[in-house]
C-alpha atoms as a PDB file:
ATOM      1  CA  UNK A   1      87.862  -0.839  -9.269  1.00  0.00           C
ATOM      2  CA  UNK A   2      84.317  -0.169 -10.445  1.00  0.00           C
ATOM      3  CA  UNK A   3      82.624  -1.823 -13.432  1.00  0.00           C
ATOM      4  CA  UNK A   4      79.132  -1.327 -14.800  1.00  0.00           C
ATOM      5  CA  UNK A   5      76.955  -4.401 -15.271  1.00  0.00           C
ATOM      6  CA  UNK A   6      74.036  -4.189 -17.708  1.00  0.00           C
ATOM      7  CA  UNK A   7      71.151  -6.600 -17.181  1.00  0.00           C
ATOM      8  CA  UNK A   8      68.297  -7.550 -19.493  1.00  0.00           C
ATOM      9  CA  UNK A   9      64.943  -9.363 -19.374  1.00  0.00           C
ATOM     10  CA  UNK A  10      64.748 -11.888 -16.514  1.00  0.00           C
ATOM     11  CA  UNK A  11      68.107 -10.732 -15.083  1.00  0.00           C
ATOM     12  CA  UNK A  12      66.819  -7.159 -14.870  1.00  0.00           C
ATOM     13  CA  UNK A  13      63.696  -8.352 -13.084  1.00  0.00           C
ATOM     14  CA  UNK A  14      65.697 -10.443 -10.616  1.00  0.00           C
ATOM     15  CA  UNK A  15      67.979  -7.539  -9.756  1.00  0.00           C
ATOM     16  CA  UNK A  16      65.250  -4.886  -9.829  1.00  0.00           C
ATOM     17  CA  UNK A  17      67.487  -2.704 -11.998  1.00  0.00           C
ATOM     18  CA  UNK A  18      68.808  -2.625 -15.549  1.00  0.00           C
ATOM     19  CA  UNK A  19      72.265  -1.504 -14.467  1.00  0.00           C
ATOM     20  CA  UNK A  20      74.447  -2.194 -11.447  1.00  0.00           C
ATOM     21  CA  UNK A  21      77.820  -0.918 -10.265  1.00  0.00           C
ATOM     22  CA  UNK A  22      80.220  -3.514  -8.898  1.00  0.00           C
ATOM     23  CA  UNK A  23      83.323  -2.857  -6.834  1.00  0.00           C
ATOM     24  CA  UNK A  24      85.871  -5.542  -7.703  1.00  0.00           C
ATOM     25  CA  UNK A  25      89.549  -5.999  -6.832  1.00  0.00           C
ATOM     26  CA  UNK A  26      92.164  -5.063  -9.422  1.00  0.00           C
ATOM     27  CA  UNK A  27      92.769  -7.954 -11.802  1.00  0.00           C
ATOM     28  CA  UNK A  28      89.235  -9.323 -11.377  1.00  0.00           C
ATOM     29  CA  UNK A  29      87.826 -11.350 -14.238  1.00  0.00           C
ATOM     30  CA  UNK A  30      84.357 -11.794 -15.696  1.00  0.00           C
ATOM     31  CA  UNK A  31      83.780 -14.878 -13.522  1.00  0.00           C
ATOM     32  CA  UNK A  32      84.474 -12.772 -10.412  1.00  0.00           C
ATOM     33  CA  UNK A  33      81.724 -10.369 -11.431  1.00  0.00           C
ATOM     34  CA  UNK A  34      79.332 -13.281 -11.954  1.00  0.00           C
ATOM     35  CA  UNK A  35      80.133 -14.628  -8.492  1.00  0.00           C
ATOM     36  CA  UNK A  36      79.591 -11.181  -6.985  1.00  0.00           C
ATOM     37  CA  UNK A  37      76.113 -11.049  -8.502  1.00  0.00           C
ATOM     38  CA  UNK A  38      75.142 -14.251  -6.685  1.00  0.00           C
ATOM     39  CA  UNK A  39      71.499 -15.276  -7.069  1.00  0.00           C
ATOM     40  CA  UNK A  40      70.888 -12.793  -9.885  1.00  0.00           C
ATOM     41  CA  UNK A  41      72.572 -15.117 -12.386  1.00  0.00           C
ATOM     42  CA  UNK A  42      71.886 -18.530 -10.805  1.00  0.00           C
ATOM     43  CA  UNK A  43      70.520 -21.177 -13.144  1.00  0.00           C
ATOM     44  CA  UNK A  44      70.654 -19.173 -16.367  1.00  0.00           C
ATOM     45  CA  UNK A  45      72.911 -19.889 -19.344  1.00  0.00           C
ATOM     46  CA  UNK A  46      74.495 -16.562 -20.197  1.00  0.00           C
ATOM     47  CA  UNK A  47      76.555 -14.914 -22.887  1.00  0.00           C
ATOM     48  CA  UNK A  48      78.891 -12.203 -21.632  1.00  0.00           C
ATOM     49  CA  UNK A  49      80.070  -9.102 -23.467  1.00  0.00           C
ATOM     50  CA  UNK A  50      82.685  -6.602 -22.278  1.00  0.00           C
ATOM     51  CA  UNK A  51      82.404  -3.193 -23.915  1.00  0.00           C
ATOM     52  CA  UNK A  52      80.102  -4.765 -26.551  1.00  0.00           C
ATOM     53  CA  UNK A  53      82.526  -7.544 -27.463  1.00  0.00           C
ATOM     54  CA  UNK A  54      81.773 -11.158 -26.556  1.00  0.00           C
ATOM     55  CA  UNK A  55      83.987 -12.264 -23.689  1.00  0.00           C
ATOM     56  CA  UNK A  56      84.880 -15.527 -21.900  1.00  0.00           C
ATOM     57  CA  UNK A  57      84.637 -15.927 -18.137  1.00  0.00           C
ATOM     58  CA  UNK A  58      88.408 -15.642 -17.718  1.00  0.00           C
ATOM     59  CA  UNK A  59      88.698 -12.245 -19.442  1.00  0.00           C
ATOM     60  CA  UNK A  60      90.271  -9.644 -17.162  1.00  0.00           C
ATOM     61  CA  UNK A  61      88.261  -6.521 -16.430  1.00  0.00           C
ATOM     62  CA  UNK A  62      89.515  -2.947 -16.254  1.00  0.00           C
ATOM     63  CA  UNK A  63      88.165   0.037 -14.315  1.00  0.00           C
ATOM     64  CA  UNK A  64      85.170   1.564 -16.082  1.00  0.00           C
ATOM     65  CA  UNK A  65      84.399  -1.509 -18.209  1.00  0.00           C
ATOM     66  CA  UNK A  66      80.807  -2.269 -19.169  1.00  0.00           C
ATOM     67  CA  UNK A  67      79.900  -5.920 -18.661  1.00  0.00           C
ATOM     68  CA  UNK A  68      76.646  -6.975 -20.340  1.00  0.00           C
ATOM     69  CA  UNK A  69      74.996 -10.245 -19.304  1.00  0.00           C
ATOM     70  CA  UNK A  70      72.832 -11.631 -22.093  1.00  0.00           C
ATOM     71  CA  UNK A  71      70.264 -14.283 -21.076  1.00  0.00           C
ATOM     72  CA  UNK A  72      68.249 -16.487 -23.441  1.00  0.00           C
ATOM     73  CA  UNK A  73      66.169 -14.198 -25.624  1.00  0.00           C
ATOM     74  CA  UNK A  74      62.398 -13.833 -25.148  1.00  0.00           C
ATOM     75  CA  UNK A  75      62.167 -16.108 -22.136  1.00  0.00           C
ATOM     76  CA  UNK A  76      64.116 -18.876 -23.840  1.00  0.00           C
ATOM     77  CA  UNK A  77      62.425 -18.736 -27.251  1.00  0.00           C
ATOM     78  CA  UNK A  78      64.960 -18.651 -30.062  1.00  0.00           C
ATOM     79  CA  UNK A  79      65.138 -15.395 -31.971  1.00  0.00           C
ATOM     80  CA  UNK A  80      65.694 -15.563 -35.705  1.00  0.00           C
ATOM     81  CA  UNK A  81      69.038 -14.080 -36.706  1.00  0.00           C
ATOM     82  CA  UNK A  82      70.281 -13.661 -40.267  1.00  0.00           C
ATOM     83  CA  UNK A  83      73.439 -11.981 -41.573  1.00  0.00           C
ATOM     84  CA  UNK A  84      74.775 -12.224 -45.116  1.00  0.00           C
ATOM     85  CA  UNK A  85      77.320 -10.611 -47.431  1.00  0.00           C
ATOM     86  CA  UNK A  86      76.419 -11.146 -51.090  1.00  0.00           C
ATOM     87  CA  UNK A  87      77.188  -9.905 -54.589  1.00  0.00           C
ATOM     88  CA  UNK A  88      73.505 -10.314 -55.550  1.00  0.00           C
ATOM     89  CA  UNK A  89      70.964  -7.459 -55.556  1.00  0.00           C
ATOM     90  CA  UNK A  90      69.260  -7.041 -52.165  1.00  0.00           C
ATOM     91  CA  UNK A  91      65.523  -7.410 -51.500  1.00  0.00           C
ATOM     92  CA  UNK A  92      64.053  -5.490 -48.578  1.00  0.00           C
ATOM     93  CA  UNK A  93      60.692  -7.262 -48.957  1.00  0.00           C
ATOM     94  CA  UNK A  94      62.353 -10.667 -48.689  1.00  0.00           C
ATOM     95  CA  UNK A  95      64.306  -9.580 -45.627  1.00  0.00           C
ATOM     96  CA  UNK A  96      61.163  -8.221 -43.946  1.00  0.00           C
ATOM     97  CA  UNK A  97      59.461 -11.560 -44.532  1.00  0.00           C
ATOM     98  CA  UNK A  98      62.312 -13.299 -42.697  1.00  0.00           C
ATOM     99  CA  UNK A  99      61.679 -11.392 -39.454  1.00  0.00           C
ATOM    100  CA  UNK A 100      57.887 -11.654 -39.251  1.00  0.00           C
ATOM    101  CA  UNK A 101      56.895 -13.268 -35.979  1.00  0.00           C
ATOM    102  CA  UNK A 102      53.597 -13.966 -34.235  1.00  0.00           C
ATOM    103  CA  UNK A 103      54.925 -12.177 -31.122  1.00  0.00           C
ATOM    104  CA  UNK A 104      55.765  -9.015 -33.060  1.00  0.00           C
ATOM    105  CA  UNK A 105      53.569  -5.943 -33.289  1.00  0.00           C
ATOM    106  CA  UNK A 106      56.152  -3.950 -35.247  1.00  0.00           C
ATOM    107  CA  UNK A 107      58.485  -4.597 -38.188  1.00  0.00           C
ATOM    108  CA  UNK A 108      61.037  -1.880 -38.984  1.00  0.00           C
ATOM    109  CA  UNK A 109      63.220  -1.908 -42.092  1.00  0.00           C
ATOM    110  CA  UNK A 110      66.118   0.212 -43.330  1.00  0.00           C
ATOM    111  CA  UNK A 111      67.670   0.437 -46.782  1.00  0.00           C
ATOM    112  CA  UNK A 112      70.922   2.294 -47.481  1.00  0.00           C
ATOM    113  CA  UNK A 113      71.160   3.222 -51.177  1.00  0.00           C
ATOM    114  CA  UNK A 114      73.801   4.666 -53.489  1.00  0.00           C
ATOM    115  CA  UNK A 115      73.410   8.422 -53.879  1.00  0.00           C
ATOM    116  CA  UNK A 116      75.084  11.292 -55.749  1.00  0.00           C
ATOM    117  CA  UNK A 117      77.594   9.115 -57.633  1.00  0.00           C
ATOM    118  CA  UNK A 118      77.282   6.797 -60.631  1.00  0.00           C
ATOM    119  CA  UNK A 119      77.995   3.706 -58.555  1.00  0.00           C
ATOM    120  CA  UNK A 120      79.721   2.413 -55.468  1.00  0.00           C
ATOM    121  CA  UNK A 121      82.173  -0.465 -55.340  1.00  0.00           C
ATOM    122  CA  UNK A 122      82.164  -2.477 -52.123  1.00  0.00           C
ATOM    123  CA  UNK A 123      84.838  -4.884 -50.966  1.00  0.00           C
ATOM    124  CA  UNK A 124      84.591  -6.983 -47.798  1.00  0.00           C
ATOM    125  CA  UNK A 125      86.423  -9.509 -45.691  1.00  0.00           C
ATOM    126  CA  UNK A 126      83.224 -11.482 -46.126  1.00  0.00           C
ATOM    127  CA  UNK A 127      83.683 -14.257 -43.563  1.00  0.00           C
ATOM    128  CA  UNK A 128      84.644 -11.848 -40.784  1.00  0.00           C
ATOM    129  CA  UNK A 129      82.002  -9.324 -41.856  1.00  0.00           C
ATOM    130  CA  UNK A 130      79.221 -11.918 -41.642  1.00  0.00           C
ATOM    131  CA  UNK A 131      80.383 -13.030 -38.189  1.00  0.00           C
ATOM    132  CA  UNK A 132      80.541  -9.450 -36.958  1.00  0.00           C
ATOM    133  CA  UNK A 133      77.139  -8.603 -38.428  1.00  0.00           C
ATOM    134  CA  UNK A 134      75.645 -11.666 -36.745  1.00  0.00           C
ATOM    135  CA  UNK A 135      77.152 -10.619 -33.400  1.00  0.00           C
ATOM    136  CA  UNK A 136      75.772  -7.094 -33.785  1.00  0.00           C
ATOM    137  CA  UNK A 137      72.305  -8.452 -34.610  1.00  0.00           C
ATOM    138  CA  UNK A 138      72.433 -10.856 -31.658  1.00  0.00           C
ATOM    139  CA  UNK A 139      73.410  -8.097 -29.234  1.00  0.00           C
ATOM    140  CA  UNK A 140      70.650  -5.841 -30.581  1.00  0.00           C
ATOM    141  CA  UNK A 141      68.109  -8.638 -30.081  1.00  0.00           C
ATOM    142  CA  UNK A 142      69.205  -9.010 -26.463  1.00  0.00           C
ATOM    143  CA  UNK A 143      69.454  -5.288 -25.740  1.00  0.00           C
ATOM    144  CA  UNK A 144      66.086  -4.297 -27.211  1.00  0.00           C
ATOM    145  CA  UNK A 145      63.993  -7.442 -26.756  1.00  0.00           C
ATOM    146  CA  UNK A 146      63.610  -8.058 -30.487  1.00  0.00           C
ATOM    147  CA  UNK A 147      61.823 -11.090 -31.877  1.00  0.00           C
ATOM    148  CA  UNK A 148      64.084 -11.301 -34.923  1.00  0.00           C
ATOM    149  CA  UNK A 149      66.815  -9.377 -36.725  1.00  0.00           C
ATOM    150  CA  UNK A 150      68.305  -9.667 -40.193  1.00  0.00           C
ATOM    151  CA  UNK A 151      70.976  -7.722 -42.051  1.00  0.00           C
ATOM    152  CA  UNK A 152      72.519  -8.073 -45.499  1.00  0.00           C
ATOM    153  CA  UNK A 153      75.319  -6.151 -47.219  1.00  0.00           C
ATOM    154  CA  UNK A 154      76.115  -6.167 -50.900  1.00  0.00           C
ATOM    155  CA  UNK A 155      79.625  -6.293 -52.370  1.00  0.00           C
ATOM    156  CA  UNK A 156      80.812  -5.444 -55.865  1.00  0.00           C
ATOM    157  CA  UNK A 157      79.191  -2.723 -57.948  1.00  0.00           C
ATOM    158  CA  UNK A 158      76.053  -1.053 -56.576  1.00  0.00           C
ATOM    159  CA  UNK A 159      74.534   1.414 -59.104  1.00  0.00           C
ATOM    160  CA  UNK A 160      72.844   4.703 -58.243  1.00  0.00           C
ATOM    161  CA  UNK A 161      69.651   4.303 -56.154  1.00  0.00           C
ATOM    162  CA  UNK A 162      70.156   0.562 -55.524  1.00  0.00           C
ATOM    163  CA  UNK A 163      70.536  -0.695 -51.917  1.00  0.00           C
ATOM    164  CA  UNK A 164      73.954  -1.652 -50.592  1.00  0.00           C
ATOM    165  CA  UNK A 165      72.818  -2.561 -47.069  1.00  0.00           C
ATOM    166  CA  UNK A 166      69.436  -3.559 -45.673  1.00  0.00           C
ATOM    167  CA  UNK A 167      68.204  -4.243 -42.136  1.00  0.00           C
ATOM    168  CA  UNK A 168      64.926  -5.665 -40.866  1.00  0.00           C
ATOM    169  CA  UNK A 169      63.846  -6.258 -37.267  1.00  0.00           C
ATOM    170  CA  UNK A 170      60.643  -7.245 -35.484  1.00  0.00           C
ATOM    171  CA  UNK A 171      59.635  -6.564 -31.904  1.00  0.00           C
ATOM    172  CA  UNK A 172      56.502  -6.512 -29.742  1.00  0.00           C
ATOM    173  CA  UNK A 173      56.444  -2.682 -29.867  1.00  0.00           C
ATOM    174  CA  UNK A 174      57.622  -0.011 -32.311  1.00  0.00           C
ATOM    175  CA  UNK A 175      60.020   1.742 -29.917  1.00  0.00           C
ATOM    176  CA  UNK A 176      62.160  -1.346 -29.475  1.00  0.00           C
ATOM    177  CA  UNK A 177      62.002  -2.110 -33.202  1.00  0.00           C
ATOM    178  CA  UNK A 178      63.183   1.374 -34.219  1.00  0.00           C
ATOM    179  CA  UNK A 179      65.977   1.337 -31.614  1.00  0.00           C
ATOM    180  CA  UNK A 180      67.152  -2.131 -32.614  1.00  0.00           C
ATOM    181  CA  UNK A 181      67.251  -1.340 -36.329  1.00  0.00           C
ATOM    182  CA  UNK A 182      69.140   1.911 -35.656  1.00  0.00           C
ATOM    183  CA  UNK A 183      71.721   0.133 -33.510  1.00  0.00           C
ATOM    184  CA  UNK A 184      72.321  -2.558 -36.111  1.00  0.00           C
ATOM    185  CA  UNK A 185      72.899  -0.213 -39.059  1.00  0.00           C
ATOM    186  CA  UNK A 186      75.030   2.212 -37.046  1.00  0.00           C
ATOM    187  CA  UNK A 187      77.267  -0.571 -35.730  1.00  0.00           C
ATOM    188  CA  UNK A 188      77.531  -2.438 -39.048  1.00  0.00           C
ATOM    189  CA  UNK A 189      78.783   0.755 -40.696  1.00  0.00           C
ATOM    190  CA  UNK A 190      81.295   1.315 -37.888  1.00  0.00           C
ATOM    191  CA  UNK A 191      82.489  -2.231 -37.160  1.00  0.00           C
ATOM    192  CA  UNK A 192      82.109  -4.599 -40.126  1.00  0.00           C
ATOM    193  CA  UNK A 193      85.237  -4.934 -42.337  1.00  0.00           C
ATOM    194  CA  UNK A 194      83.644  -3.518 -45.494  1.00  0.00           C
ATOM    195  CA  UNK A 195      85.191  -0.838 -47.738  1.00  0.00           C
ATOM    196  CA  UNK A 196      83.539   1.536 -50.205  1.00  0.00           C
ATOM    197  CA  UNK A 197      84.812   3.226 -53.350  1.00  0.00           C
ATOM    198  CA  UNK A 198      82.870   6.049 -55.023  1.00  0.00           C
ATOM    199  CA  UNK A 199      83.018   5.837 -58.817  1.00  0.00           C
ATOM    200  CA  UNK A 200      82.072   8.691 -61.142  1.00  0.00           C
ATOM    201  CA  UNK A 201      83.076   9.090 -64.784  1.00  0.00           C
ATOM    202  CA  UNK A 202      85.359   6.083 -64.675  1.00  0.00           C
ATOM    203  CA  UNK A 203      87.400   7.378 -61.742  1.00  0.00           C
ATOM    204  CA  UNK A 204      87.180   5.997 -58.226  1.00  0.00           C
ATOM    205  CA  UNK A 205      88.003   7.201 -54.721  1.00  0.00           C
ATOM    206  CA  UNK A 206      88.054   5.063 -51.578  1.00  0.00           C
ATOM    207  CA  UNK A 207      85.899   6.603 -48.870  1.00  0.00           C
ATOM    208  CA  UNK A 208      87.880   7.353 -45.720  1.00  0.00           C
ATOM    209  CA  UNK A 209      86.788   5.490 -42.639  1.00  0.00           C
ATOM    210  CA  UNK A 210      88.011   4.769 -39.145  1.00  0.00           C
ATOM    211  CA  UNK A 211      89.420   1.824 -37.284  1.00  0.00           C
ATOM    212  CA  UNK A 212      86.656  -0.288 -35.704  1.00  0.00           C
END
């Protein structure tokens, strides 16, 4: 079977490519892919993700899977990550301050605000949502070479024009910063266990979504 392996930073440089195709026997596991890559992965602590979900070495692979190998970020320097679900009003300025970094030449922020209705009511499985948001931010840092990433989501009542979700990222260059911020907000909306009700004139309607 064939799987796609995505490589970043020092792994990409070692392999001379950002993506490789591996032919593996049926029933192969993540560790088999690592062994097949040989010197490309030697000596580096790695986090593995299969189809954008963190995966252990013993996870079985299927034909067509995407295996991402995530090395230490920024040559081993720790990237700041922040994810929070809160009932308090959100501050984009405060979040932008969190991601400022001497290595960064660009800071990109996003604010999603209530529109068209009187207010929105948000409910979340907060513990799971924070973990998922942190994973999404971590994967965006690795994929786009970000210096830092932060995301916060509000729960409870969010009145018209107030922010319900904010994202801030920093990166050496603007292209990576824009791409990283876009990935984080798109995936948080699609994957975090957070639900939204539109309220107008005292009546509410849950917004239809999709299974993550």
